[in-house]
Protein backbone atom coordinates (compact mmCIF):
# COMPACT_ATOMS: atom_id res chain seq x y z
CA MET A 1 -46.88 -166.14 125.33
CA ASN A 2 -46.57 -165.74 121.51
CA LYS A 3 -46.16 -162.28 119.96
CA ILE A 4 -48.16 -161.05 116.94
CA LEU A 5 -45.73 -160.16 114.42
CA LEU A 6 -48.10 -158.89 111.70
CA LYS A 7 -51.81 -158.18 111.56
CA ARG A 8 -53.81 -157.06 108.53
CA THR A 9 -57.38 -157.13 107.19
CA LEU A 10 -58.11 -159.59 104.22
CA ALA A 11 -61.78 -158.82 103.80
CA PRO A 12 -64.86 -157.41 105.70
CA GLN A 13 -64.75 -159.35 108.93
CA VAL A 14 -61.92 -161.41 108.03
CA GLY A 15 -58.46 -160.75 109.60
CA LEU A 16 -54.82 -162.24 109.40
CA ILE A 17 -52.26 -162.46 112.08
CA GLU A 18 -48.60 -163.93 111.78
CA ILE A 19 -47.73 -165.21 115.08
CA ASP A 20 -44.08 -166.02 116.51
CA ALA A 21 -44.31 -169.91 117.15
CA PRO A 22 -41.11 -171.43 116.12
CA ASP A 23 -41.75 -174.81 117.69
CA ILE A 24 -45.22 -175.02 115.98
CA SER A 25 -43.86 -173.79 112.63
CA LYS A 26 -41.31 -176.61 112.36
CA LYS A 27 -43.80 -179.20 112.75
CA ALA A 28 -46.93 -177.87 111.01
CA LEU A 29 -48.19 -179.80 108.04
CA ALA A 30 -50.99 -178.88 105.71
CA GLY A 31 -54.51 -179.18 107.07
CA GLN A 32 -53.40 -179.09 110.83
CA PHE A 33 -54.65 -176.52 113.17
CA VAL A 34 -53.89 -174.72 116.65
CA VAL A 35 -55.90 -173.88 119.70
CA LEU A 36 -55.25 -170.44 121.21
CA ARG A 37 -56.54 -168.67 124.20
CA ILE A 38 -56.34 -164.87 124.39
CA HIS A 39 -56.24 -164.47 128.26
CA ASP A 40 -56.65 -166.75 131.18
CA HIS A 41 -60.42 -166.49 131.19
CA GLY A 42 -60.53 -166.78 127.46
CA GLU A 43 -62.33 -169.21 125.34
CA ARG A 44 -60.09 -171.82 123.42
CA ILE A 45 -60.56 -171.06 119.76
CA PRO A 46 -59.50 -173.70 117.05
CA LEU A 47 -58.07 -172.16 113.98
CA THR A 48 -56.46 -173.74 111.02
CA ILE A 49 -52.83 -172.89 110.11
CA ALA A 50 -53.03 -170.95 106.88
CA ASP A 51 -49.20 -170.89 106.41
CA ALA A 52 -45.99 -171.88 108.30
CA ASP A 53 -42.46 -170.38 107.94
CA PRO A 54 -39.87 -172.61 109.85
CA SER A 55 -37.03 -170.10 108.72
CA LYS A 56 -38.94 -167.14 110.44
CA GLY A 57 -40.46 -169.36 113.15
CA THR A 58 -43.90 -168.09 112.37
CA ILE A 59 -47.42 -169.35 111.63
CA THR A 60 -50.01 -167.52 109.94
CA ILE A 61 -53.74 -167.69 111.09
CA VAL A 62 -56.66 -166.30 109.12
CA PHE A 63 -60.03 -165.77 111.20
CA GLN A 64 -63.56 -164.49 110.68
CA LYS A 65 -65.05 -162.25 113.21
CA ILE A 66 -68.34 -164.10 114.10
CA GLY A 67 -68.27 -164.77 117.68
CA ALA A 68 -67.11 -162.85 120.85
CA SER A 69 -63.86 -164.55 121.04
CA THR A 70 -62.87 -163.94 117.40
CA ARG A 71 -64.04 -160.35 117.77
CA LEU A 72 -61.82 -160.05 120.90
CA LEU A 73 -58.86 -161.49 118.88
CA ASP A 74 -59.38 -158.73 116.45
CA THR A 75 -58.56 -156.15 119.09
CA LEU A 76 -55.14 -157.32 119.50
CA GLU A 77 -52.43 -155.50 117.46
CA GLN A 78 -48.98 -156.06 116.12
CA GLY A 79 -46.68 -156.52 119.16
CA ASP A 80 -49.35 -157.91 121.52
CA CYS A 81 -49.41 -161.37 122.72
CA ILE A 82 -51.50 -164.32 122.95
CA LEU A 83 -51.48 -166.06 126.22
CA ASP A 84 -51.75 -169.84 125.03
CA LEU A 85 -51.14 -171.44 121.62
CA LEU A 86 -51.25 -175.20 121.15
CA GLY A 87 -50.35 -177.18 118.34
CA PRO A 88 -49.96 -178.32 115.55
CA LEU A 89 -53.01 -180.58 116.26
CA GLY A 90 -55.16 -182.92 114.16
CA LYS A 91 -53.96 -185.24 111.52
CA PRO A 92 -52.39 -183.64 108.25
CA ALA A 93 -54.18 -183.51 105.08
CA HIS A 94 -53.93 -186.72 102.85
CA ILE A 95 -51.31 -185.64 100.44
CA GLU A 96 -50.30 -188.03 97.39
CA ASN A 97 -49.39 -187.93 93.85
CA ALA A 98 -52.84 -188.78 92.60
CA GLY A 99 -52.82 -186.92 89.12
CA THR A 100 -55.14 -184.04 88.74
CA VAL A 101 -56.48 -182.53 91.95
CA VAL A 102 -59.07 -180.12 92.51
CA CYS A 103 -58.89 -177.76 95.51
CA ILE A 104 -61.93 -176.11 96.39
CA GLY A 105 -62.25 -173.23 98.86
CA GLY A 106 -65.27 -171.39 99.99
CA GLY A 107 -65.17 -168.09 102.06
CA VAL A 108 -62.63 -168.29 104.95
CA GLY A 109 -61.87 -171.77 103.74
CA ILE A 110 -59.98 -170.35 101.02
CA ALA A 111 -57.04 -169.47 103.21
CA GLU A 112 -57.34 -172.97 104.61
CA ILE A 113 -57.36 -174.64 101.36
CA TYR A 114 -53.86 -172.85 100.33
CA PRO A 115 -51.28 -175.01 102.23
CA VAL A 116 -53.36 -178.09 101.00
CA ALA A 117 -53.09 -176.88 97.32
CA LYS A 118 -49.44 -176.02 97.82
CA ALA A 119 -48.74 -179.55 99.47
CA TYR A 120 -50.51 -181.20 96.53
CA LYS A 121 -48.59 -179.33 93.95
CA LYS A 122 -45.24 -180.09 95.64
CA ALA A 123 -46.20 -183.77 95.58
CA GLY A 124 -46.27 -183.53 91.66
CA ASN A 125 -49.97 -183.23 91.11
CA ARG A 126 -51.62 -180.97 88.44
CA VAL A 127 -53.58 -178.70 90.81
CA ILE A 128 -56.88 -177.05 89.76
CA SER A 129 -58.15 -174.49 92.44
CA VAL A 130 -61.55 -173.11 92.83
CA LEU A 131 -62.26 -170.29 94.99
CA GLY A 132 -65.69 -169.04 95.81
CA ALA A 133 -67.35 -166.24 97.85
CA ARG A 134 -70.52 -164.16 97.91
CA ASN A 135 -68.74 -161.17 96.17
CA LYS A 136 -65.21 -160.06 95.08
CA ASP A 137 -64.59 -158.31 98.62
CA LEU A 138 -64.63 -161.71 100.18
CA ILE A 139 -62.26 -163.54 97.81
CA ILE A 140 -58.92 -163.96 99.72
CA PHE A 141 -55.49 -165.58 99.01
CA ALA A 142 -56.27 -165.46 95.31
CA ASP A 143 -52.59 -164.51 94.26
CA GLU A 144 -51.14 -167.02 96.77
CA ILE A 145 -53.18 -170.06 95.64
CA ALA A 146 -52.79 -169.06 91.87
CA LYS A 147 -49.01 -169.33 92.36
CA VAL A 148 -49.22 -172.87 93.49
CA SER A 149 -51.94 -173.92 91.06
CA ASP A 150 -51.89 -174.94 87.37
CA GLU A 151 -55.24 -173.35 87.01
CA CYS A 152 -57.25 -171.15 89.53
CA HIS A 153 -60.79 -170.28 89.07
CA ILE A 154 -62.96 -167.76 90.96
CA THR A 155 -66.65 -167.63 91.40
CA THR A 156 -68.95 -164.99 93.10
CA ASP A 157 -72.49 -165.45 93.86
CA ASP A 158 -73.17 -161.81 92.44
CA GLY A 159 -70.76 -162.12 89.34
CA SER A 160 -68.60 -159.26 90.74
CA LEU A 161 -65.45 -161.34 90.08
CA GLY A 162 -64.77 -164.19 88.17
CA GLN A 163 -67.66 -166.50 87.01
CA LYS A 164 -71.12 -165.94 88.46
CA GLY A 165 -72.36 -168.79 90.41
CA LEU A 166 -70.94 -171.48 92.86
CA VAL A 167 -67.89 -173.51 93.05
CA SER A 168 -69.85 -176.64 92.42
CA ASP A 169 -70.60 -175.30 89.00
CA VAL A 170 -67.07 -175.06 88.16
CA LEU A 171 -66.26 -178.46 89.51
CA LYS A 172 -68.74 -179.96 87.09
CA ASP A 173 -67.39 -178.14 84.26
CA ILE A 174 -63.79 -179.46 85.15
CA MET A 175 -65.11 -182.86 85.59
CA GLY A 176 -66.72 -182.74 82.14
CA ARG A 177 -63.40 -181.88 80.37
CA GLU A 178 -60.93 -183.91 82.15
CA LYS A 179 -60.27 -186.83 84.40
CA VAL A 180 -60.19 -185.65 88.14
CA SER A 181 -58.47 -187.98 90.46
CA LEU A 182 -59.11 -186.30 93.75
CA VAL A 183 -60.97 -183.52 95.29
CA SER A 184 -60.11 -181.43 98.45
CA ALA A 185 -62.70 -179.08 99.74
CA VAL A 186 -62.61 -176.51 102.73
CA GLY A 187 -65.54 -174.17 103.43
CA PRO A 188 -69.29 -173.84 104.52
CA THR A 189 -70.46 -177.29 105.58
CA ILE A 190 -73.25 -177.08 102.99
CA MET A 191 -70.71 -176.34 100.32
CA MET A 192 -68.62 -179.40 101.28
CA LYS A 193 -71.84 -181.62 101.40
CA VAL A 194 -72.70 -180.34 97.82
CA ILE A 195 -69.23 -181.09 96.51
CA SER A 196 -69.33 -184.65 98.08
CA ASP A 197 -72.51 -185.43 96.54
CA ILE A 198 -71.35 -184.30 93.16
CA THR A 199 -68.11 -186.63 93.27
CA LYS A 200 -69.74 -189.65 94.74
CA PRO A 201 -71.27 -191.15 91.75
CA TYR A 202 -68.15 -190.97 89.91
CA ASN A 203 -66.15 -192.57 92.93
CA ILE A 204 -63.76 -189.55 93.14
CA LYS A 205 -61.92 -189.53 96.17
CA THR A 206 -63.14 -186.42 97.99
CA TYR A 207 -61.76 -185.14 101.35
CA VAL A 208 -63.34 -182.44 103.46
CA SER A 209 -62.17 -180.50 106.45
CA LEU A 210 -64.88 -180.49 109.20
CA ASN A 211 -65.28 -177.61 111.53
CA PRO A 212 -67.47 -178.96 114.44
CA ILE A 213 -67.70 -177.25 117.81
CA MET A 214 -64.56 -178.11 119.71
CA LEU A 215 -63.36 -177.72 123.12
CA ASP A 216 -60.12 -179.42 124.47
CA ALA A 217 -58.87 -180.40 120.99
CA THR A 218 -57.11 -183.48 122.39
CA GLY A 219 -59.71 -186.16 122.00
CA MET A 220 -60.85 -186.24 125.77
CA CYS A 221 -63.90 -184.30 126.06
CA GLY A 222 -65.89 -185.75 122.90
CA VAL A 223 -67.42 -182.49 122.00
CA CYS A 224 -66.20 -182.49 118.29
CA ARG A 225 -67.60 -185.81 117.56
CA VAL A 226 -68.70 -186.50 114.15
CA THR A 227 -70.16 -189.68 112.51
CA ILE A 228 -68.17 -191.03 109.57
CA ALA A 229 -69.23 -194.24 107.88
CA GLY A 230 -71.59 -194.68 110.79
CA LYS A 231 -68.93 -194.49 113.41
CA VAL A 232 -68.28 -191.85 115.88
CA LYS A 233 -65.00 -190.04 115.21
CA PHE A 234 -63.44 -187.03 116.86
CA ALA A 235 -62.52 -184.20 114.45
CA CYS A 236 -59.57 -183.07 116.80
CA VAL A 237 -57.58 -186.28 116.75
CA ASP A 238 -59.10 -188.40 113.91
CA GLY A 239 -59.55 -185.36 111.61
CA PRO A 240 -60.15 -182.59 110.79
CA GLU A 241 -60.01 -184.05 107.35
CA PHE A 242 -62.30 -187.02 106.50
CA ASP A 243 -63.68 -188.61 103.34
CA GLY A 244 -66.56 -186.53 102.24
CA HIS A 245 -68.54 -189.56 101.02
CA GLU A 246 -68.52 -191.06 104.68
CA VAL A 247 -69.57 -187.95 106.48
CA ASP A 248 -73.07 -187.53 108.27
CA PHE A 249 -73.49 -184.02 107.06
CA ALA A 250 -77.21 -183.74 108.41
CA GLU A 251 -75.85 -184.63 111.94
CA LEU A 252 -72.83 -182.18 111.70
CA MET A 253 -75.06 -179.23 110.65
CA SER A 254 -77.48 -179.91 113.36
CA ARG A 255 -74.78 -180.02 115.89
CA GLN A 256 -73.16 -176.73 114.81
CA LYS A 257 -76.35 -174.93 115.64
CA LEU A 258 -76.62 -176.24 119.20
CA PHE A 259 -75.22 -173.02 120.90
CA LEU A 260 -76.29 -170.30 118.63
CA ASP A 261 -78.30 -168.39 121.19
CA GLU A 262 -75.49 -168.57 123.61
CA GLU A 263 -73.09 -167.21 120.70
CA LYS A 264 -75.53 -164.51 120.10
CA LYS A 265 -75.62 -163.45 123.74
CA ALA A 266 -71.81 -163.50 123.89
CA VAL A 267 -71.61 -161.20 120.89
CA GLU A 268 -74.15 -158.77 122.30
CA VAL A 269 -72.21 -158.35 125.55
CA HIS A 270 -68.99 -157.94 123.68
CA CYS A 271 -70.61 -155.33 121.34
CA SER A 272 -72.48 -153.36 124.19
CA ASP A 273 -71.79 -149.73 124.54
CA GLU A 274 -70.10 -150.38 127.83
CA ASN A 275 -67.37 -152.43 126.28
CA PRO A 276 -64.47 -150.20 125.25
CA ASN A 277 -62.75 -153.04 123.46
CA CYS A 278 -65.58 -153.48 120.79
CA ARG A 279 -64.42 -152.25 117.49
CA CYS A 280 -67.62 -153.53 115.47
CA LYS A 281 -68.95 -150.00 115.30
CA LYS A 282 -65.49 -148.33 114.45
């Protein structure tokens, strides 16, 4: 069992936990993830490693309280333990000294782009980060990312912080003023699709981190299959990072909707008045 050493709220419906996981922290690389299970009847939840500190033996996880399992995760407090924690899983991000790298994070994906931006900076790149969310309350990890970036831009849909508009608007501006060698994007699927569509005509290498439905996370069940350059790949072992210009985004978005009804029913049960663990109304 792995103990929660720190817990805090980053934004509405977004939480952070720091977990005691010395073996994972020693091996975790940018772009990798873990799978956790809260109790012995719990769902397996894949979550990206937002940070790892081998000296402390800890990893940091950021999660959005959307489904029943992530809402249940939010009921745990500092000192509580997570039953199972498996990782690091997946292939690390493709880090290289490419020149000018634009790292784009949208929503909770901002926390996931942080270790990637840090790794690109450590590799000697000029790093320009672009963070986007609906409003200022949903911008997270801004200070951390700014510290590992040569430039850090913030966009919000409503203009409450930074530039009003989308991350894609800022990317176009950057591409118009300097040579961009590589783009790495993590966030909503539609955002990653738009970014990939923008860079493709310019042949700018673009990596995206995919988030299909995932189950065993070891390549055996095939649930997380995605189509890349016309071939079936498994996000858990072949990814989660792929060339954005080769991703079948239409198929990915369709598959992500497969269990929306079941997810809604699970949340309704979790948030019912009879469930004392529900914190949604608190």
